[in-house]
Amino acid sequence: MGEPFRLPPEAAHARSAELVVYTDQIMRRLASLLPPSYRGVYADRLPPGDTA
């Protein structure tokens, strides 16, 4: 179900602004595993070549 993904160790102590960045990384990674029609707002936010 996709390649394993981990946040960097410093994410354990992230503050509000950093949490937004980490959350976005996680959601984009999850979206890349879904068919395009299920990606919602992340459909246009995937890195080039990062598709299901």
Foldseek 3Di string as FASTA:
>chain_A
DDDDDDDDPCVVVDDDVVVVVVVLVVLLLVLQVDALVPSPPSSVVHDPPSHD
